[in-house]
Amino acid sequence: MAHFSCIIQRDQSAATCVAELEAGLHEIHAKHFADEPTTVSWRRLPPGDMFTEGKPSTSSIVSCVLGCATSLPEREAFLRAVCELWTSTTGCTDHEVVVAVTETEPLT
C-alpha cells in the first residue's frame, strides 16, 4: 500500500484545496500504479512554523511511500504529475512544493 503524507500551512493556498488535492493524488497514483491502493494524510501547520531563507515559507511538502519498486522514468513521471497537480491547483510555483518518493518492499 502507498501512502501520501502532506504537510501544508494553514494560511497558504493548499489549505483551501485539500479535497481537490487529495482526489488528484489518488487519481495520479492510480494512473501510475493501478494495482496498489493508497491513502493520504494531512498535517496543517500554524503560520510561522516553516521557514525558507529565514522568512516565513509558502511551501508544501508532499511525501509518498510506495510499496513497489519503480524505474527512473516511472519515478520522474510520477513526481512531475504530483508537482503539476500542486502548482495548477494551488497557484504556487514549482519552487514552493517539495515532492519526495520512497520505495519499500511490500510485506508478504
C-alpha atoms as a PDB file:
ATOM      1  CA  MET A   1       0.000   0.000   0.000  1.00  0.00           C
ATOM      2  CA  ALA A   2       1.188   3.508  -0.781  1.00  0.00           C
ATOM      3  CA  HIS A   3       0.759   6.486   1.494  1.00  0.00           C
ATOM      4  CA  PHE A   4       0.978  10.229   0.849  1.00  0.00           C
ATOM      5  CA  SER A   5       1.855  12.437   3.797  1.00  0.00           C
ATOM      6  CA  CYS A   6       1.199  16.111   3.057  1.00  0.00           C
ATOM      7  CA  ILE A   7       2.451  18.983   5.206  1.00  0.00           C
ATOM      8  CA  ILE A   8       0.756  22.276   4.435  1.00  0.00           C
ATOM      9  CA  GLN A   9       0.362  25.629   6.153  1.00  0.00           C
ATOM     10  CA  ARG A  10      -2.998  26.846   7.381  1.00  0.00           C
ATOM     11  CA  ASP A  11      -2.556  30.291   5.835  1.00  0.00           C
ATOM     12  CA  GLN A  12      -1.432  29.135   2.374  1.00  0.00           C
ATOM     13  CA  SER A  13      -3.475  28.222  -0.712  1.00  0.00           C
ATOM     14  CA  ALA A  14      -3.027  24.455  -0.325  1.00  0.00           C
ATOM     15  CA  ALA A  15      -5.115  24.595   2.865  1.00  0.00           C
ATOM     16  CA  THR A  16      -8.137  25.744   0.871  1.00  0.00           C
ATOM     17  CA  CYS A  17      -7.754  22.992  -1.760  1.00  0.00           C
ATOM     18  CA  VAL A  18      -7.318  19.852   0.369  1.00  0.00           C
ATOM     19  CA  ALA A  19     -10.250  17.904  -1.126  1.00  0.00           C
ATOM     20  CA  GLU A  20      -9.189  18.668  -4.695  1.00  0.00           C
ATOM     21  CA  LEU A  21      -5.535  17.880  -3.971  1.00  0.00           C
ATOM     22  CA  GLU A  22      -6.396  14.593  -2.262  1.00  0.00           C
ATOM     23  CA  ALA A  23      -8.616  13.493  -5.151  1.00  0.00           C
ATOM     24  CA  GLY A  24      -5.825  14.422  -7.566  1.00  0.00           C
ATOM     25  CA  LEU A  25      -3.226  12.447  -5.605  1.00  0.00           C
ATOM     26  CA  HIS A  26      -5.438   9.343  -5.675  1.00  0.00           C
ATOM     27  CA  GLU A  27      -6.018   9.813  -9.413  1.00  0.00           C
ATOM     28  CA  ILE A  28      -2.322  10.272 -10.219  1.00  0.00           C
ATOM     29  CA  HIS A  29      -1.341   7.289  -8.106  1.00  0.00           C
ATOM     30  CA  ALA A  30      -3.978   5.063  -9.748  1.00  0.00           C
ATOM     31  CA  LYS A  31      -2.785   6.135 -13.195  1.00  0.00           C
ATOM     32  CA  HIS A  32       0.833   5.257 -12.434  1.00  0.00           C
ATOM     33  CA  PHE A  33       0.398   2.276 -10.079  1.00  0.00           C
ATOM     34  CA  ALA A  34      -3.005   0.747 -10.834  1.00  0.00           C
ATOM     35  CA  ASP A  35      -2.711  -2.323  -8.594  1.00  0.00           C
ATOM     36  CA  GLU A  36      -1.590  -0.558  -5.426  1.00  0.00           C
ATOM     37  CA  PRO A  37      -4.082   1.025  -3.002  1.00  0.00           C
ATOM     38  CA  THR A  38      -3.171   4.391  -1.462  1.00  0.00           C
ATOM     39  CA  THR A  39      -4.031   6.631   1.463  1.00  0.00           C
ATOM     40  CA  VAL A  40      -3.434  10.337   2.136  1.00  0.00           C
ATOM     41  CA  SER A  41      -2.871  12.126   5.446  1.00  0.00           C
ATOM     42  CA  TRP A  42      -2.611  15.859   6.125  1.00  0.00           C
ATOM     43  CA  ARG A  43      -0.756  17.982   8.670  1.00  0.00           C
ATOM     44  CA  ARG A  44      -1.712  21.642   8.782  1.00  0.00           C
ATOM     45  CA  LEU A  45       0.945  23.770  10.435  1.00  0.00           C
ATOM     46  CA  PRO A  46       0.250  27.126  12.036  1.00  0.00           C
ATOM     47  CA  PRO A  47       1.550  30.249  10.267  1.00  0.00           C
ATOM     48  CA  GLY A  48       5.213  30.869  11.028  1.00  0.00           C
ATOM     49  CA  ASP A  49       6.162  27.223  11.677  1.00  0.00           C
ATOM     50  CA  MET A  50       8.021  26.781   8.362  1.00  0.00           C
ATOM     51  CA  PHE A  51      10.797  28.996   7.049  1.00  0.00           C
ATOM     52  CA  THR A  52      12.709  29.400   3.787  1.00  0.00           C
ATOM     53  CA  GLU A  53      15.808  31.606   3.754  1.00  0.00           C
ATOM     54  CA  GLY A  54      14.886  32.999   7.179  1.00  0.00           C
ATOM     55  CA  LYS A  55      11.405  34.134   6.067  1.00  0.00           C
ATOM     56  CA  PRO A  56       8.000  32.510   6.607  1.00  0.00           C
ATOM     57  CA  SER A  57       7.673  29.792   3.994  1.00  0.00           C
ATOM     58  CA  THR A  58       4.912  29.354   1.423  1.00  0.00           C
ATOM     59  CA  SER A  59       5.965  25.771   0.671  1.00  0.00           C
ATOM     60  CA  SER A  60       4.147  22.464   0.953  1.00  0.00           C
ATOM     61  CA  ILE A  61       5.773  19.066   1.411  1.00  0.00           C
ATOM     62  CA  VAL A  62       4.309  16.004  -0.303  1.00  0.00           C
ATOM     63  CA  SER A  63       5.939  12.712   0.605  1.00  0.00           C
ATOM     64  CA  CYS A  64       4.821   9.394  -0.837  1.00  0.00           C
ATOM     65  CA  VAL A  65       5.876   5.938   0.298  1.00  0.00           C
ATOM     66  CA  LEU A  66       5.321   3.374  -2.445  1.00  0.00           C
ATOM     67  CA  GLY A  67       5.026  -0.332  -1.812  1.00  0.00           C
ATOM     68  CA  CYS A  68       6.674  -1.176  -5.142  1.00  0.00           C
ATOM     69  CA  ALA A  69       9.898  -0.545  -6.998  1.00  0.00           C
ATOM     70  CA  THR A  70       9.948   1.903  -9.904  1.00  0.00           C
ATOM     71  CA  SER A  71      12.257   2.676 -12.777  1.00  0.00           C
ATOM     72  CA  LEU A  72      13.758   6.138 -13.122  1.00  0.00           C
ATOM     73  CA  PRO A  73      11.358   7.129 -15.945  1.00  0.00           C
ATOM     74  CA  GLU A  74       8.365   5.939 -13.850  1.00  0.00           C
ATOM     75  CA  ARG A  75       9.537   7.929 -10.815  1.00  0.00           C
ATOM     76  CA  GLU A  76      10.179  11.056 -12.876  1.00  0.00           C
ATOM     77  CA  ALA A  77       6.726  10.928 -14.491  1.00  0.00           C
ATOM     78  CA  PHE A  78       5.040  10.348 -11.119  1.00  0.00           C
ATOM     79  CA  LEU A  79       6.957  13.176  -9.423  1.00  0.00           C
ATOM     80  CA  ARG A  80       6.192  15.573 -12.297  1.00  0.00           C
ATOM     81  CA  ALA A  81       2.491  14.703 -12.179  1.00  0.00           C
ATOM     82  CA  VAL A  82       2.285  15.397  -8.432  1.00  0.00           C
ATOM     83  CA  CYS A  83       4.150  18.699  -8.821  1.00  0.00           C
ATOM     84  CA  GLU A  84       1.906  19.744 -11.713  1.00  0.00           C
ATOM     85  CA  LEU A  85      -1.210  18.887  -9.680  1.00  0.00           C
ATOM     86  CA  TRP A  86       0.031  21.038  -6.804  1.00  0.00           C
ATOM     87  CA  THR A  87       1.012  24.042  -8.893  1.00  0.00           C
ATOM     88  CA  SER A  88      -2.113  24.019 -11.067  1.00  0.00           C
ATOM     89  CA  THR A  89      -4.466  23.554  -8.096  1.00  0.00           C
ATOM     90  CA  THR A  90      -2.868  25.944  -5.600  1.00  0.00           C
ATOM     91  CA  GLY A  91      -1.286  28.544  -7.878  1.00  0.00           C
ATOM     92  CA  CYS A  92       2.086  28.051  -6.204  1.00  0.00           C
ATOM     93  CA  THR A  93       5.291  27.762  -8.192  1.00  0.00           C
ATOM     94  CA  ASP A  94       7.278  24.563  -8.539  1.00  0.00           C
ATOM     95  CA  HIS A  95       9.742  26.117  -6.068  1.00  0.00           C
ATOM     96  CA  GLU A  96       7.030  26.051  -3.389  1.00  0.00           C
ATOM     97  CA  VAL A  97       6.324  22.325  -3.416  1.00  0.00           C
ATOM     98  CA  VAL A  98       8.716  19.623  -2.272  1.00  0.00           C
ATOM     99  CA  VAL A  99       7.764  16.180  -3.594  1.00  0.00           C
ATOM    100  CA  ALA A 100       9.567  13.058  -2.384  1.00  0.00           C
ATOM    101  CA  VAL A 101       9.061   9.363  -3.090  1.00  0.00           C
ATOM    102  CA  THR A 102      10.371   6.449  -1.050  1.00  0.00           C
ATOM    103  CA  GLU A 103      10.027   2.850  -2.159  1.00  0.00           C
ATOM    104  CA  THR A 104       9.540  -0.050   0.243  1.00  0.00           C
ATOM    105  CA  GLU A 105       9.275  -3.742  -0.279  1.00  0.00           C
ATOM    106  CA  PRO A 106       5.708  -4.998   0.126  1.00  0.00           C
ATOM    107  CA  LEU A 107       5.107  -7.153   3.217  1.00  0.00           C
ATOM    108  CA  THR A 108       4.249 -10.760   2.470  1.00  0.00           C
END
